[in-house]
Amino acid sequence: MSEYIHQAWTLLGVGMLTVFVILLIVVVIGNIIIMVVNKFFPEAEKSKTVTVNSIGNARMAAITAAVNMVTQGRGRITKIQKK
């Protein structure tokens, strides 16, 4: 019986080690792919200004004040769409 338990623990250890190594390889390859893509295909710089086309100045000021109050000054308005 002791031999079976020893074999079970050995199989458990080998299986867990195999899964850990495979997941580590996936993470490393994923990070390498991300670095290569970011290096050769950088994301285009997005426009940081909000265009005020159909929104009035008063509404834009109210929206900006609300975002600043809710996010405690850390928020940023990137896009405003009218539904």
PDB file of N, CA and C in Angstrom:
ATOM      1  N   MET A   1       0.827  -1.198   0.000  1.00  0.00           N
ATOM      2  CA  MET A   1       0.000   0.000   0.000  1.00  0.00           C
ATOM      3  C   MET A   1       0.866   1.254   0.000  1.00  0.00           C
ATOM      4  N   SER A   2       1.966   1.207   0.735  1.00  0.00           N
ATOM      5  CA  SER A   2       2.851   2.353   0.821  1.00  0.00           C
ATOM      6  C   SER A   2       3.464   2.678  -0.539  1.00  0.00           C
ATOM      7  N   GLU A   3       3.693   1.647  -1.322  1.00  0.00           N
ATOM      8  CA  GLU A   3       4.267   1.859  -2.653  1.00  0.00           C
ATOM      9  C   GLU A   3       3.292   2.632  -3.548  1.00  0.00           C
ATOM     10  N   TYR A   4       2.008   2.346  -3.428  1.00  0.00           N
ATOM     11  CA  TYR A   4       0.992   3.040  -4.231  1.00  0.00           C
ATOM     12  C   TYR A   4       0.869   4.512  -3.822  1.00  0.00           C
ATOM     13  N   ILE A   5       0.951   4.762  -2.532  1.00  0.00           N
ATOM     14  CA  ILE A   5       0.879   6.151  -2.059  1.00  0.00           C
ATOM     15  C   ILE A   5       2.100   6.928  -2.535  1.00  0.00           C
ATOM     16  N   HIS A   6       3.263   6.300  -2.477  1.00  0.00           N
ATOM     17  CA  HIS A   6       4.487   6.952  -2.959  1.00  0.00           C
ATOM     18  C   HIS A   6       4.375   7.255  -4.460  1.00  0.00           C
ATOM     19  N   GLN A   7       3.860   6.317  -5.221  1.00  0.00           N
ATOM     20  CA  GLN A   7       3.679   6.530  -6.661  1.00  0.00           C
ATOM     21  C   GLN A   7       2.649   7.629  -6.916  1.00  0.00           C
ATOM     22  N   ALA A   8       1.597   7.680  -6.100  1.00  0.00           N
ATOM     23  CA  ALA A   8       0.577   8.727  -6.251  1.00  0.00           C
ATOM     24  C   ALA A   8       1.174  10.104  -5.987  1.00  0.00           C
ATOM     25  N   TRP A   9       1.964  10.233  -4.923  1.00  0.00           N
ATOM     26  CA  TRP A   9       2.600  11.517  -4.627  1.00  0.00           C
ATOM     27  C   TRP A   9       3.587  11.919  -5.731  1.00  0.00           C
ATOM     28  N   THR A  10       4.284  10.951  -6.271  1.00  0.00           N
ATOM     29  CA  THR A  10       5.221  11.229  -7.363  1.00  0.00           C
ATOM     30  C   THR A  10       4.470  11.736  -8.597  1.00  0.00           C
ATOM     31  N   LEU A  11       3.377  11.070  -8.942  1.00  0.00           N
ATOM     32  CA  LEU A  11       2.580  11.515 -10.088  1.00  0.00           C
ATOM     33  C   LEU A  11       1.973  12.901  -9.840  1.00  0.00           C
ATOM     34  N   LEU A  12       1.530  13.136  -8.618  1.00  0.00           N
ATOM     35  CA  LEU A  12       0.992  14.453  -8.277  1.00  0.00           C
ATOM     36  C   LEU A  12       2.051  15.531  -8.438  1.00  0.00           C
ATOM     37  N   GLY A  13       3.242  15.275  -7.928  1.00  0.00           N
ATOM     38  CA  GLY A  13       4.329  16.252  -8.041  1.00  0.00           C
ATOM     39  C   GLY A  13       4.735  16.515  -9.481  1.00  0.00           C
ATOM     40  N   VAL A  14       4.862  15.453 -10.269  1.00  0.00           N
ATOM     41  CA  VAL A  14       5.239  15.603 -11.674  1.00  0.00           C
ATOM     42  C   VAL A  14       4.148  16.358 -12.435  1.00  0.00           C
ATOM     43  N   GLY A  15       2.903  16.034 -12.163  1.00  0.00           N
ATOM     44  CA  GLY A  15       1.796  16.719 -12.848  1.00  0.00           C
ATOM     45  C   GLY A  15       1.738  18.194 -12.506  1.00  0.00           C
ATOM     46  N   MET A  16       1.871  18.519 -11.230  1.00  0.00           N
ATOM     47  CA  MET A  16       1.824  19.927 -10.825  1.00  0.00           C
ATOM     48  C   MET A  16       3.023  20.692 -11.379  1.00  0.00           C
ATOM     49  N   LEU A  17       4.177  20.079 -11.366  1.00  0.00           N
ATOM     50  CA  LEU A  17       5.365  20.732 -11.917  1.00  0.00           C
ATOM     51  C   LEU A  17       5.211  20.959 -13.419  1.00  0.00           C
ATOM     52  N   THR A  18       4.642  19.993 -14.112  1.00  0.00           N
ATOM     53  CA  THR A  18       4.424  20.132 -15.557  1.00  0.00           C
ATOM     54  C   THR A  18       3.470  21.277 -15.856  1.00  0.00           C
ATOM     55  N   VAL A  19       2.367  21.355 -15.114  1.00  0.00           N
ATOM     56  CA  VAL A  19       1.409  22.440 -15.318  1.00  0.00           C
ATOM     57  C   VAL A  19       2.066  23.782 -15.022  1.00  0.00           C
ATOM     58  N   PHE A  20       2.833  23.879 -13.934  1.00  0.00           N
ATOM     59  CA  PHE A  20       3.503  25.124 -13.587  1.00  0.00           C
ATOM     60  C   PHE A  20       4.469  25.563 -14.681  1.00  0.00           C
ATOM     61  N   VAL A  21       5.257  24.633 -15.201  1.00  0.00           N
ATOM     62  CA  VAL A  21       6.231  24.964 -16.251  1.00  0.00           C
ATOM     63  C   VAL A  21       5.519  25.406 -17.525  1.00  0.00           C
ATOM     64  N   ILE A  22       4.458  24.712 -17.901  1.00  0.00           N
ATOM     65  CA  ILE A  22       3.728  25.093 -19.118  1.00  0.00           C
ATOM     66  C   ILE A  22       3.107  26.471 -18.963  1.00  0.00           C
ATOM     67  N   LEU A  23       2.497  26.760 -17.815  1.00  0.00           N
ATOM     68  CA  LEU A  23       1.920  28.090 -17.595  1.00  0.00           C
ATOM     69  C   LEU A  23       3.003  29.170 -17.573  1.00  0.00           C
ATOM     70  N   LEU A  24       4.151  28.862 -17.001  1.00  0.00           N
ATOM     71  CA  LEU A  24       5.260  29.817 -17.002  1.00  0.00           C
ATOM     72  C   LEU A  24       5.715  30.106 -18.429  1.00  0.00           C
ATOM     73  N   ILE A  25       5.789  29.076 -19.257  1.00  0.00           N
ATOM     74  CA  ILE A  25       6.179  29.263 -20.662  1.00  0.00           C
ATOM     75  C   ILE A  25       5.141  30.121 -21.382  1.00  0.00           C
ATOM     76  N   VAL A  26       3.860  29.891 -21.121  1.00  0.00           N
ATOM     77  CA  VAL A  26       2.803  30.696 -21.752  1.00  0.00           C
ATOM     78  C   VAL A  26       2.930  32.153 -21.355  1.00  0.00           C
ATOM     79  N   VAL A  27       3.187  32.426 -20.083  1.00  0.00           N
ATOM     80  CA  VAL A  27       3.326  33.815 -19.623  1.00  0.00           C
ATOM     81  C   VAL A  27       4.543  34.475 -20.253  1.00  0.00           C
ATOM     82  N   VAL A  28       5.659  33.786 -20.293  1.00  0.00           N
ATOM     83  CA  VAL A  28       6.883  34.357 -20.864  1.00  0.00           C
ATOM     84  C   VAL A  28       6.692  34.638 -22.354  1.00  0.00           C
ATOM     85  N   ILE A  29       6.134  33.680 -23.092  1.00  0.00           N
ATOM     86  CA  ILE A  29       5.912  33.895 -24.532  1.00  0.00           C
ATOM     87  C   ILE A  29       4.913  35.025 -24.755  1.00  0.00           C
ATOM     88  N   GLY A  30       3.868  35.098 -23.927  1.00  0.00           N
ATOM     89  CA  GLY A  30       2.901  36.188 -24.047  1.00  0.00           C
ATOM     90  C   GLY A  30       3.541  37.544 -23.828  1.00  0.00           C
ATOM     91  N   ASN A  31       4.394  37.657 -22.814  1.00  0.00           N
ATOM     92  CA  ASN A  31       5.080  38.927 -22.553  1.00  0.00           C
ATOM     93  C   ASN A  31       6.034  39.291 -23.682  1.00  0.00           C
ATOM     94  N   ILE A  32       6.709  38.305 -24.253  1.00  0.00           N
ATOM     95  CA  ILE A  32       7.604  38.575 -25.378  1.00  0.00           C
ATOM     96  C   ILE A  32       6.802  39.068 -26.582  1.00  0.00           C
ATOM     97  N   ILE A  33       5.673  38.434 -26.857  1.00  0.00           N
ATOM     98  CA  ILE A  33       4.833  38.869 -27.980  1.00  0.00           C
ATOM     99  C   ILE A  33       4.331  40.287 -27.751  1.00  0.00           C
ATOM    100  N   ILE A  34       3.916  40.607 -26.533  1.00  0.00           N
ATOM    101  CA  ILE A  34       3.440  41.955 -26.228  1.00  0.00           C
ATOM    102  C   ILE A  34       4.552  42.977 -26.432  1.00  0.00           C
ATOM    103  N   MET A  35       5.771  42.670 -25.986  1.00  0.00           N
ATOM    104  CA  MET A  35       6.887  43.610 -26.150  1.00  0.00           C
ATOM    105  C   MET A  35       7.215  43.820 -27.630  1.00  0.00           C
ATOM    106  N   VAL A  36       7.211  42.744 -28.408  1.00  0.00           N
ATOM    107  CA  VAL A  36       7.532  42.859 -29.837  1.00  0.00           C
ATOM    108  C   VAL A  36       6.468  43.671 -30.559  1.00  0.00           C
ATOM    109  N   VAL A  37       5.214  43.392 -30.272  1.00  0.00           N
ATOM    110  CA  VAL A  37       4.131  44.134 -30.934  1.00  0.00           C
ATOM    111  C   VAL A  37       4.180  45.604 -30.548  1.00  0.00           C
ATOM    112  N   ASN A  38       4.407  45.910 -29.270  1.00  0.00           N
ATOM    113  CA  ASN A  38       4.481  47.312 -28.845  1.00  0.00           C
ATOM    114  C   ASN A  38       5.692  48.021 -29.441  1.00  0.00           C
ATOM    115  N   LYS A  39       6.764  47.285 -29.676  1.00  0.00           N
ATOM    116  CA  LYS A  39       7.960  47.913 -30.233  1.00  0.00           C
ATOM    117  C   LYS A  39       7.796  48.222 -31.717  1.00  0.00           C
ATOM    118  N   PHE A  40       7.266  47.278 -32.485  1.00  0.00           N
ATOM    119  CA  PHE A  40       7.190  47.448 -33.934  1.00  0.00           C
ATOM    120  C   PHE A  40       5.871  48.041 -34.419  1.00  0.00           C
ATOM    121  N   PHE A  41       4.829  47.940 -33.623  1.00  0.00           N
ATOM    122  CA  PHE A  41       3.522  48.484 -33.996  1.00  0.00           C
ATOM    123  C   PHE A  41       2.960  49.307 -32.841  1.00  0.00           C
ATOM    124  N   PRO A  42       3.561  50.457 -32.556  1.00  0.00           N
ATOM    125  CA  PRO A  42       3.072  51.248 -31.415  1.00  0.00           C
ATOM    126  C   PRO A  42       1.674  51.790 -31.695  1.00  0.00           C
ATOM    127  N   GLU A  43       0.917  51.939 -30.626  1.00  0.00           N
ATOM    128  CA  GLU A  43      -0.437  52.459 -30.748  1.00  0.00           C
ATOM    129  C   GLU A  43      -0.358  53.944 -31.076  1.00  0.00           C
ATOM    130  N   ALA A  44      -1.199  54.363 -32.003  1.00  0.00           N
ATOM    131  CA  ALA A  44      -1.202  55.764 -32.399  1.00  0.00           C
ATOM    132  C   ALA A  44      -1.629  56.633 -31.224  1.00  0.00           C
ATOM    133  N   GLU A  45      -1.026  57.787 -31.131  1.00  0.00           N
ATOM    134  CA  GLU A  45      -1.351  58.723 -30.066  1.00  0.00           C
ATOM    135  C   GLU A  45      -2.780  59.208 -30.229  1.00  0.00           C
ATOM    136  N   LYS A  46      -3.560  59.030 -29.195  1.00  0.00           N
ATOM    137  CA  LYS A  46      -4.958  59.446 -29.262  1.00  0.00           C
ATOM    138  C   LYS A  46      -5.064  60.932 -28.944  1.00  0.00           C
ATOM    139  N   SER A  47      -6.055  61.540 -29.527  1.00  0.00           N
ATOM    140  CA  SER A  47      -6.299  62.950 -29.272  1.00  0.00           C
ATOM    141  C   SER A  47      -6.761  63.120 -27.832  1.00  0.00           C
ATOM    142  N   LYS A  48      -6.099  64.012 -27.109  1.00  0.00           N
ATOM    143  CA  LYS A  48      -6.433  64.196 -25.706  1.00  0.00           C
ATOM    144  C   LYS A  48      -7.390  65.364 -25.490  1.00  0.00           C
ATOM    145  N   THR A  49      -7.756  66.017 -26.535  1.00  0.00           N
ATOM    146  CA  THR A  49      -8.691  67.129 -26.397  1.00  0.00           C
ATOM    147  C   THR A  49     -10.087  66.665 -26.748  1.00  0.00           C
ATOM    148  N   VAL A  50     -11.041  67.204 -26.034  1.00  0.00           N
ATOM    149  CA  VAL A  50     -12.434  66.874 -26.284  1.00  0.00           C
ATOM    150  C   VAL A  50     -12.997  67.957 -27.197  1.00  0.00           C
ATOM    151  N   THR A  51     -13.564  67.529 -28.283  1.00  0.00           N
ATOM    152  CA  THR A  51     -14.153  68.500 -29.193  1.00  0.00           C
ATOM    153  C   THR A  51     -15.557  68.822 -28.725  1.00  0.00           C
ATOM    154  N   VAL A  52     -15.841  70.060 -28.701  1.00  0.00           N
ATOM    155  CA  VAL A  52     -17.161  70.522 -28.284  1.00  0.00           C
ATOM    156  C   VAL A  52     -17.894  70.933 -29.548  1.00  0.00           C
ATOM    157  N   ASN A  53     -18.624  69.996 -30.143  1.00  0.00           N
ATOM    158  CA  ASN A  53     -19.312  70.313 -31.379  1.00  0.00           C
ATOM    159  C   ASN A  53     -20.748  70.746 -31.113  1.00  0.00           C
ATOM    160  N   SER A  54     -21.553  69.894 -30.528  1.00  0.00           N
ATOM    161  CA  SER A  54     -22.941  70.272 -30.289  1.00  0.00           C
ATOM    162  C   SER A  54     -23.213  70.531 -28.814  1.00  0.00           C
ATOM    163  N   ILE A  55     -22.169  70.381 -27.979  1.00  0.00           N
ATOM    164  CA  ILE A  55     -22.333  70.618 -26.544  1.00  0.00           C
ATOM    165  C   ILE A  55     -21.920  72.053 -26.261  1.00  0.00           C
ATOM    166  N   GLY A  56     -22.751  72.744 -25.537  1.00  0.00           N
ATOM    167  CA  GLY A  56     -22.451  74.129 -25.193  1.00  0.00           C
ATOM    168  C   GLY A  56     -21.371  74.211 -24.132  1.00  0.00           C
ATOM    169  N   ASN A  57     -20.840  75.409 -23.952  1.00  0.00           N
ATOM    170  CA  ASN A  57     -19.777  75.618 -22.964  1.00  0.00           C
ATOM    171  C   ASN A  57     -20.266  75.348 -21.551  1.00  0.00           C
ATOM    172  N   ALA A  58     -21.502  75.729 -21.253  1.00  0.00           N
ATOM    173  CA  ALA A  58     -22.039  75.509 -19.912  1.00  0.00           C
ATOM    174  C   ALA A  58     -22.192  74.018 -19.624  1.00  0.00           C
ATOM    175  N   ARG A  59     -22.668  73.254 -20.606  1.00  0.00           N
ATOM    176  CA  ARG A  59     -22.813  71.814 -20.413  1.00  0.00           C
ATOM    177  C   ARG A  59     -21.450  71.144 -20.274  1.00  0.00           C
ATOM    178  N   MET A  60     -20.501  71.585 -21.075  1.00  0.00           N
ATOM    179  CA  MET A  60     -19.156  71.017 -20.999  1.00  0.00           C
ATOM    180  C   MET A  60     -18.538  71.305 -19.633  1.00  0.00           C
ATOM    181  N   ALA A  61     -18.734  72.487 -19.106  1.00  0.00           N
ATOM    182  CA  ALA A  61     -18.218  72.843 -17.783  1.00  0.00           C
ATOM    183  C   ALA A  61     -18.895  72.001 -16.697  1.00  0.00           C
ATOM    184  N   ALA A  62     -20.196  71.765 -16.836  1.00  0.00           N
ATOM    185  CA  ALA A  62     -20.914  70.951 -15.859  1.00  0.00           C
ATOM    186  C   ALA A  62     -20.436  69.502 -15.895  1.00  0.00           C
ATOM    187  N   ILE A  63     -20.222  68.962 -17.086  1.00  0.00           N
ATOM    188  CA  ILE A  63     -19.743  67.589 -17.215  1.00  0.00           C
ATOM    189  C   ILE A  63     -18.342  67.466 -16.627  1.00  0.00           C
ATOM    190  N   THR A  64     -17.486  68.426 -16.933  1.00  0.00           N
ATOM    191  CA  THR A  64     -16.117  68.412 -16.408  1.00  0.00           C
ATOM    192  C   THR A  64     -16.120  68.502 -14.886  1.00  0.00           C
ATOM    193  N   ALA A  65     -16.949  69.367 -14.335  1.00  0.00           N
ATOM    194  CA  ALA A  65     -17.028  69.504 -12.881  1.00  0.00           C
ATOM    195  C   ALA A  65     -17.538  68.222 -12.235  1.00  0.00           C
ATOM    196  N   ALA A  66     -18.518  67.576 -12.854  1.00  0.00           N
ATOM    197  CA  ALA A  66     -19.060  66.340 -12.300  1.00  0.00           C
ATOM    198  C   ALA A  66     -18.006  65.222 -12.321  1.00  0.00           C
ATOM    199  N   VAL A  67     -17.275  65.123 -13.420  1.00  0.00           N
ATOM    200  CA  VAL A  67     -16.231  64.095 -13.510  1.00  0.00           C
ATOM    201  C   VAL A  67     -15.144  64.354 -12.482  1.00  0.00           C
ATOM    202  N   ASN A  68     -14.746  65.600 -12.309  1.00  0.00           N
ATOM    203  CA  ASN A  68     -13.713  65.937 -11.327  1.00  0.00           C
ATOM    204  C   ASN A  68     -14.181  65.644  -9.908  1.00  0.00           C
ATOM    205  N   MET A  69     -15.445  65.897  -9.631  1.00  0.00           N
ATOM    206  CA  MET A  69     -15.965  65.670  -8.290  1.00  0.00           C
ATOM    207  C   MET A  69     -16.066  64.168  -7.992  1.00  0.00           C
ATOM    208  N   VAL A  70     -16.559  63.402  -8.948  1.00  0.00           N
ATOM    209  CA  VAL A  70     -16.736  61.967  -8.724  1.00  0.00           C
ATOM    210  C   VAL A  70     -15.398  61.245  -8.649  1.00  0.00           C
ATOM    211  N   THR A  71     -14.449  61.611  -9.511  1.00  0.00           N
ATOM    212  CA  THR A  71     -13.163  60.907  -9.550  1.00  0.00           C
ATOM    213  C   THR A  71     -12.090  61.592  -8.710  1.00  0.00           C
ATOM    214  N   GLN A  72     -12.461  62.632  -7.994  1.00  0.00           N
ATOM    215  CA  GLN A  72     -11.548  63.392  -7.131  1.00  0.00           C
ATOM    216  C   GLN A  72     -10.352  63.933  -7.902  1.00  0.00           C
ATOM    217  N   GLY A  73     -10.601  64.403  -9.106  1.00  0.00           N
ATOM    218  CA  GLY A  73      -9.571  65.037  -9.923  1.00  0.00           C
ATOM    219  C   GLY A  73      -8.706  64.080 -10.718  1.00  0.00           C
ATOM    220  N   ARG A  74      -8.926  62.775 -10.596  1.00  0.00           N
ATOM    221  CA  ARG A  74      -8.095  61.811 -11.313  1.00  0.00           C
ATOM    222  C   ARG A  74      -8.718  61.370 -12.630  1.00  0.00           C
ATOM    223  N   GLY A  75      -9.964  61.744 -12.870  1.00  0.00           N
ATOM    224  CA  GLY A  75     -10.657  61.318 -14.083  1.00  0.00           C
ATOM    225  C   GLY A  75     -10.290  62.177 -15.278  1.00  0.00           C
ATOM    226  N   ARG A  76     -10.582  61.653 -16.448  1.00  0.00           N
ATOM    227  CA  ARG A  76     -10.274  62.352 -17.680  1.00  0.00           C
ATOM    228  C   ARG A  76     -11.406  62.100 -18.659  1.00  0.00           C
ATOM    229  N   ILE A  77     -11.847  63.128 -19.311  1.00  0.00           N
ATOM    230  CA  ILE A  77     -12.896  62.987 -20.321  1.00  0.00           C
ATOM    231  C   ILE A  77     -12.207  62.777 -21.662  1.00  0.00           C
ATOM    232  N   THR A  78     -12.506  61.650 -22.291  1.00  0.00           N
ATOM    233  CA  THR A  78     -11.888  61.361 -23.583  1.00  0.00           C
ATOM    234  C   THR A  78     -12.876  61.462 -24.732  1.00  0.00           C
ATOM    235  N   LYS A  79     -14.147  61.200 -24.443  1.00  0.00           N
ATOM    236  CA  LYS A  79     -15.122  61.205 -25.520  1.00  0.00           C
ATOM    237  C   LYS A  79     -16.501  61.458 -24.946  1.00  0.00           C
ATOM    238  N   ILE A  80     -17.242  62.299 -25.625  1.00  0.00           N
ATOM    239  CA  ILE A  80     -18.625  62.566 -25.233  1.00  0.00           C
ATOM    240  C   ILE A  80     -19.483  62.305 -26.446  1.00  0.00           C
ATOM    241  N   GLN A  81     -20.478  61.416 -26.283  1.00  0.00           N
ATOM    242  CA  GLN A  81     -21.373  61.099 -27.377  1.00  0.00           C
ATOM    243  C   GLN A  81     -22.793  61.417 -26.975  1.00  0.00           C
ATOM    244  N   LYS A  82     -23.520  61.897 -27.932  1.00  0.00           N
ATOM    245  CA  LYS A  82     -24.929  62.179 -27.705  1.00  0.00           C
ATOM    246  C   LYS A  82     -25.735  61.012 -28.240  1.00  0.00           C
ATOM    247  N   LYS A  83     -26.660  60.504 -27.428  1.00  0.00           N
ATOM    248  CA  LYS A  83     -27.471  59.369 -27.863  1.00  0.00           C
ATOM    249  C   LYS A  83     -28.716  59.830 -28.554  1.00  0.00           C
TER     250      LYS A  83
END
